[in-house]
PDB file of N, CA and C in Angstrom:
ATOM      1  N   MET A   1      -7.656 -20.638   2.118  1.00  0.00           N
ATOM      2  CA  MET A   1      -7.313 -19.234   2.034  1.00  0.00           C
ATOM      3  C   MET A   1      -5.910 -19.101   1.432  1.00  0.00           C
ATOM      4  N   PRO A   2      -5.795 -18.331   0.389  1.00  0.00           N
ATOM      5  CA  PRO A   2      -4.488 -18.161  -0.254  1.00  0.00           C
ATOM      6  C   PRO A   2      -3.661 -17.066   0.426  1.00  0.00           C
ATOM      7  N   VAL A   3      -3.096 -17.345   1.588  1.00  0.00           N
ATOM      8  CA  VAL A   3      -2.358 -16.321   2.334  1.00  0.00           C
ATOM      9  C   VAL A   3      -1.028 -15.962   1.685  1.00  0.00           C
ATOM     10  N   GLY A   4      -0.591 -16.737   0.736  1.00  0.00           N
ATOM     11  CA  GLY A   4       0.647 -16.427   0.031  1.00  0.00           C
ATOM     12  C   GLY A   4       0.442 -15.522  -1.159  1.00  0.00           C
ATOM     13  N   ASP A   5      -0.783 -15.211  -1.496  1.00  0.00           N
ATOM     14  CA  ASP A   5      -1.095 -14.399  -2.663  1.00  0.00           C
ATOM     15  C   ASP A   5      -1.195 -12.934  -2.257  1.00  0.00           C
ATOM     16  N   TRP A   6      -0.569 -12.036  -3.000  1.00  0.00           N
ATOM     17  CA  TRP A   6      -0.570 -10.615  -2.647  1.00  0.00           C
ATOM     18  C   TRP A   6      -1.953 -10.004  -2.814  1.00  0.00           C
ATOM     19  N   GLN A   7      -2.760 -10.523  -3.735  1.00  0.00           N
ATOM     20  CA  GLN A   7      -4.096  -9.978  -3.949  1.00  0.00           C
ATOM     21  C   GLN A   7      -5.010 -10.237  -2.747  1.00  0.00           C
ATOM     22  N   PHE A   8      -4.797 -11.357  -2.080  1.00  0.00           N
ATOM     23  CA  PHE A   8      -5.556 -11.657  -0.873  1.00  0.00           C
ATOM     24  C   PHE A   8      -5.319 -10.586   0.179  1.00  0.00           C
ATOM     25  N   TRP A   9      -4.070 -10.166   0.341  1.00  0.00           N
ATOM     26  CA  TRP A   9      -3.742  -9.168   1.359  1.00  0.00           C
ATOM     27  C   TRP A   9      -4.244  -7.785   0.975  1.00  0.00           C
ATOM     28  N   VAL A  10      -4.222  -7.466  -0.311  1.00  0.00           N
ATOM     29  CA  VAL A  10      -4.735  -6.164  -0.750  1.00  0.00           C
ATOM     30  C   VAL A  10      -6.237  -6.075  -0.495  1.00  0.00           C
ATOM     31  N   VAL A  11      -6.962  -7.121  -0.863  1.00  0.00           N
ATOM     32  CA  VAL A  11      -8.407  -7.126  -0.654  1.00  0.00           C
ATOM     33  C   VAL A  11      -8.734  -7.142   0.837  1.00  0.00           C
ATOM     34  N   SER A  12      -7.932  -7.862   1.622  1.00  0.00           N
ATOM     35  CA  SER A  12      -8.163  -7.895   3.071  1.00  0.00           C
ATOM     36  C   SER A  12      -7.982  -6.520   3.687  1.00  0.00           C
ATOM     37  N   LEU A  13      -6.968  -5.775   3.264  1.00  0.00           N
ATOM     38  CA  LEU A  13      -6.753  -4.420   3.769  1.00  0.00           C
ATOM     39  C   LEU A  13      -7.882  -3.476   3.360  1.00  0.00           C
ATOM     40  N   VAL A  14      -8.379  -3.635   2.150  1.00  0.00           N
ATOM     41  CA  VAL A  14      -9.482  -2.794   1.686  1.00  0.00           C
ATOM     42  C   VAL A  14     -10.734  -3.077   2.509  1.00  0.00           C
ATOM     43  N   VAL A  15     -10.993  -4.352   2.788  1.00  0.00           N
ATOM     44  CA  VAL A  15     -12.164  -4.714   3.590  1.00  0.00           C
ATOM     45  C   VAL A  15     -12.022  -4.185   5.015  1.00  0.00           C
ATOM     46  N   LEU A  16     -10.838  -4.294   5.598  1.00  0.00           N
ATOM     47  CA  LEU A  16     -10.628  -3.764   6.949  1.00  0.00           C
ATOM     48  C   LEU A  16     -10.791  -2.252   6.995  1.00  0.00           C
ATOM     49  N   ALA A  17     -10.296  -1.556   5.979  1.00  0.00           N
ATOM     50  CA  ALA A  17     -10.449  -0.101   5.929  1.00  0.00           C
ATOM     51  C   ALA A  17     -11.920   0.286   5.799  1.00  0.00           C
ATOM     52  N   ALA A  18     -12.665  -0.444   4.976  1.00  0.00           N
ATOM     53  CA  ALA A  18     -14.087  -0.153   4.810  1.00  0.00           C
ATOM     54  C   ALA A  18     -14.853  -0.439   6.101  1.00  0.00           C
ATOM     55  N   ALA A  19     -14.514  -1.515   6.783  1.00  0.00           N
ATOM     56  CA  ALA A  19     -15.181  -1.843   8.049  1.00  0.00           C
ATOM     57  C   ALA A  19     -14.877  -0.779   9.103  1.00  0.00           C
ATOM     58  N   GLY A  20     -13.643  -0.299   9.145  1.00  0.00           N
ATOM     59  CA  GLY A  20     -13.297   0.770  10.079  1.00  0.00           C
ATOM     60  C   GLY A  20     -14.023   2.055   9.767  1.00  0.00           C
ATOM     61  N   TRP A  21     -14.172   2.357   8.473  1.00  0.00           N
ATOM     62  CA  TRP A  21     -14.875   3.573   8.080  1.00  0.00           C
ATOM     63  C   TRP A  21     -16.342   3.492   8.475  1.00  0.00           C
ATOM     64  N   LEU A  22     -16.951   2.316   8.314  1.00  0.00           N
ATOM     65  CA  LEU A  22     -18.347   2.147   8.716  1.00  0.00           C
ATOM     66  C   LEU A  22     -18.503   2.144  10.232  1.00  0.00           C
ATOM     67  N   ALA A  23     -17.534   1.590  10.950  1.00  0.00           N
ATOM     68  CA  ALA A  23     -17.623   1.481  12.403  1.00  0.00           C
ATOM     69  C   ALA A  23     -17.410   2.811  13.102  1.00  0.00           C
ATOM     70  N   ARG A  24     -16.788   3.765  12.464  1.00  0.00           N
ATOM     71  CA  ARG A  24     -16.498   5.038  13.139  1.00  0.00           C
ATOM     72  C   ARG A  24     -17.762   5.801  13.480  1.00  0.00           C
ATOM     73  N   GLY A  25     -18.844   5.596  12.745  1.00  0.00           N
ATOM     74  CA  GLY A  25     -20.092   6.266  13.052  1.00  0.00           C
ATOM     75  C   GLY A  25     -20.947   5.518  14.062  1.00  0.00           C
ATOM     76  N   VAL A  26     -20.627   4.254  14.296  1.00  0.00           N
ATOM     77  CA  VAL A  26     -21.447   3.425  15.175  1.00  0.00           C
ATOM     78  C   VAL A  26     -20.801   3.241  16.541  1.00  0.00           C
ATOM     79  N   LEU A  27     -19.513   2.980  16.547  1.00  0.00           N
ATOM     80  CA  LEU A  27     -18.813   2.699  17.793  1.00  0.00           C
ATOM     81  C   LEU A  27     -18.348   3.983  18.465  1.00  0.00           C
ATOM     82  N   PRO A  28     -18.415   4.058  19.789  1.00  0.00           N
ATOM     83  CA  PRO A  28     -17.964   5.262  20.495  1.00  0.00           C
ATOM     84  C   PRO A  28     -16.457   5.237  20.774  1.00  0.00           C
ATOM     85  N   VAL A  29     -15.657   4.948  19.762  1.00  0.00           N
ATOM     86  CA  VAL A  29     -14.206   4.905  19.919  1.00  0.00           C
ATOM     87  C   VAL A  29     -13.656   6.238  19.421  1.00  0.00           C
ATOM     88  N   PRO A  30     -12.920   6.972  20.272  1.00  0.00           N
ATOM     89  CA  PRO A  30     -12.488   8.330  19.888  1.00  0.00           C
ATOM     90  C   PRO A  30     -11.585   8.380  18.657  1.00  0.00           C
ATOM     91  N   TRP A  31     -10.720   7.395  18.457  1.00  0.00           N
ATOM     92  CA  TRP A  31      -9.802   7.477  17.325  1.00  0.00           C
ATOM     93  C   TRP A  31     -10.453   7.012  16.034  1.00  0.00           C
ATOM     94  N   LEU A  32     -11.632   6.410  16.068  1.00  0.00           N
ATOM     95  CA  LEU A  32     -12.347   6.038  14.858  1.00  0.00           C
ATOM     96  C   LEU A  32     -13.362   7.088  14.445  1.00  0.00           C
ATOM     97  N   SER A  33     -13.759   7.916  15.364  1.00  0.00           N
ATOM     98  CA  SER A  33     -14.792   8.903  15.083  1.00  0.00           C
ATOM     99  C   SER A  33     -14.160  10.261  14.828  1.00  0.00           C
ATOM    100  N   ARG A  34     -14.611  10.913  13.782  1.00  0.00           N
ATOM    101  CA  ARG A  34     -14.089  12.247  13.472  1.00  0.00           C
ATOM    102  C   ARG A  34     -14.984  13.341  14.026  1.00  0.00           C
ATOM    103  N   ARG A  35     -16.088  12.925  14.625  1.00  0.00           N
ATOM    104  CA  ARG A  35     -17.001  13.923  15.169  1.00  0.00           C
ATOM    105  C   ARG A  35     -16.385  14.617  16.368  1.00  0.00           C
ATOM    106  N   ARG A  36     -16.451  15.904  16.364  1.00  0.00           N
ATOM    107  CA  ARG A  36     -15.991  16.682  17.505  1.00  0.00           C
ATOM    108  C   ARG A  36     -17.197  17.336  18.131  1.00  0.00           C
ATOM    109  N   ARG A  37     -17.207  17.330  19.430  1.00  0.00           N
ATOM    110  CA  ARG A  37     -18.350  17.940  20.112  1.00  0.00           C
ATOM    111  C   ARG A  37     -18.221  19.451  20.068  1.00  0.00           C
ATOM    112  N   ARG A  38     -19.227  20.060  19.550  1.00  0.00           N
ATOM    113  CA  ARG A  38     -19.246  21.515  19.473  1.00  0.00           C
ATOM    114  C   ARG A  38     -20.143  22.047  20.573  1.00  0.00           C
ATOM    115  N   ALA A  39     -19.752  23.177  21.088  1.00  0.00           N
ATOM    116  CA  ALA A  39     -20.582  23.820  22.117  1.00  0.00           C
ATOM    117  C   ALA A  39     -21.836  24.357  21.436  1.00  0.00           C
ATOM    118  N   ARG A  40     -22.960  23.848  21.847  1.00  0.00           N
ATOM    119  CA  ARG A  40     -24.212  24.298  21.252  1.00  0.00           C
ATOM    120  C   ARG A  40     -24.761  25.472  22.040  1.00  0.00           C
ATOM    121  N   ARG A  41     -25.173  26.479  21.321  1.00  0.00           N
ATOM    122  CA  ARG A  41     -25.814  27.610  21.971  1.00  0.00           C
ATOM    123  C   ARG A  41     -27.310  27.354  21.983  1.00  0.00           C
ATOM    124  N   GLU A  42     -27.880  27.411  23.157  1.00  0.00           N
ATOM    125  CA  GLU A  42     -29.315  27.204  23.261  1.00  0.00           C
ATOM    126  C   GLU A  42     -30.031  28.483  22.868  1.00  0.00           C
ATOM    127  N   ARG A  43     -31.072  28.305  22.115  1.00  0.00           N
ATOM    128  CA  ARG A  43     -31.846  29.441  21.661  1.00  0.00           C
ATOM    129  C   ARG A  43     -33.297  29.210  22.021  1.00  0.00           C
ATOM    130  N   ARG A  44     -33.902  30.188  22.628  1.00  0.00           N
ATOM    131  CA  ARG A  44     -35.302  30.056  23.002  1.00  0.00           C
ATOM    132  C   ARG A  44     -36.185  30.283  21.787  1.00  0.00           C
ATOM    133  N   ALA A  45     -37.209  29.471  21.699  1.00  0.00           N
ATOM    134  CA  ALA A  45     -38.166  29.606  20.611  1.00  0.00           C
ATOM    135  C   ALA A  45     -39.268  30.579  21.012  1.00  0.00           C
ATOM    136  N   THR A  46     -39.735  31.334  20.054  1.00  0.00           N
ATOM    137  CA  THR A  46     -40.846  32.240  20.285  1.00  0.00           C
ATOM    138  C   THR A  46     -42.132  31.458  20.062  1.00  0.00           C
ATOM    139  N   LEU A  47     -42.952  31.384  21.088  1.00  0.00           N
ATOM    140  CA  LEU A  47     -44.206  30.658  20.985  1.00  0.00           C
ATOM    141  C   LEU A  47     -45.264  31.558  20.393  1.00  0.00           C
ATOM    142  N   THR A  48     -45.960  31.043  19.387  1.00  0.00           N
ATOM    143  CA  THR A  48     -47.038  31.817  18.756  1.00  0.00           C
ATOM    144  C   THR A  48     -48.271  30.940  18.608  1.00  0.00           C
ATOM    145  N   ILE A  49     -49.401  31.589  18.561  1.00  0.00           N
ATOM    146  CA  ILE A  49     -50.657  30.918  18.284  1.00  0.00           C
ATOM    147  C   ILE A  49     -51.271  31.660  17.108  1.00  0.00           C
ATOM    148  N   GLY A  50     -51.309  30.979  15.981  1.00  0.00           N
ATOM    149  CA  GLY A  50     -51.863  31.633  14.786  1.00  0.00           C
ATOM    150  C   GLY A  50     -51.021  32.806  14.335  1.00  0.00           C
ATOM    151  N   GLY A  51     -49.732  32.788  14.567  1.00  0.00           N
ATOM    152  CA  GLY A  51     -48.847  33.864  14.154  1.00  0.00           C
ATOM    153  C   GLY A  51     -48.775  35.038  15.124  1.00  0.00           C
ATOM    154  N   LYS A  52     -49.487  34.955  16.239  1.00  0.00           N
ATOM    155  CA  LYS A  52     -49.471  36.042  17.217  1.00  0.00           C
ATOM    156  C   LYS A  52     -48.987  35.485  18.546  1.00  0.00           C
ATOM    157  N   ALA A  53     -48.208  36.268  19.250  1.00  0.00           N
ATOM    158  CA  ALA A  53     -47.703  35.862  20.568  1.00  0.00           C
ATOM    159  C   ALA A  53     -48.852  35.841  21.575  1.00  0.00           C
ATOM    160  N   PRO A  54     -48.912  34.849  22.451  1.00  0.00           N
ATOM    161  CA  PRO A  54     -49.969  34.812  23.456  1.00  0.00           C
ATOM    162  C   PRO A  54     -49.782  35.921  24.499  1.00  0.00           C
ATOM    163  N   ARG A  55     -50.848  36.231  25.220  1.00  0.00           N
ATOM    164  CA  ARG A  55     -50.790  37.309  26.195  1.00  0.00           C
ATOM    165  C   ARG A  55     -49.882  37.017  27.326  1.00  0.00           C
TER     166      ARG A  55
END
């Protein structure tokens, strides 16, 4: 491993950044994930049979 070469470190940082970007969607780590939980409003579905509401 050429640890004295600057290109090795640049490529290593790029690989680490890409791995972190991929891991943010898989791992449940709060600082890697950008997903925020939104309050979902529940909505009732209208049940129909053949386009008409049942009795």
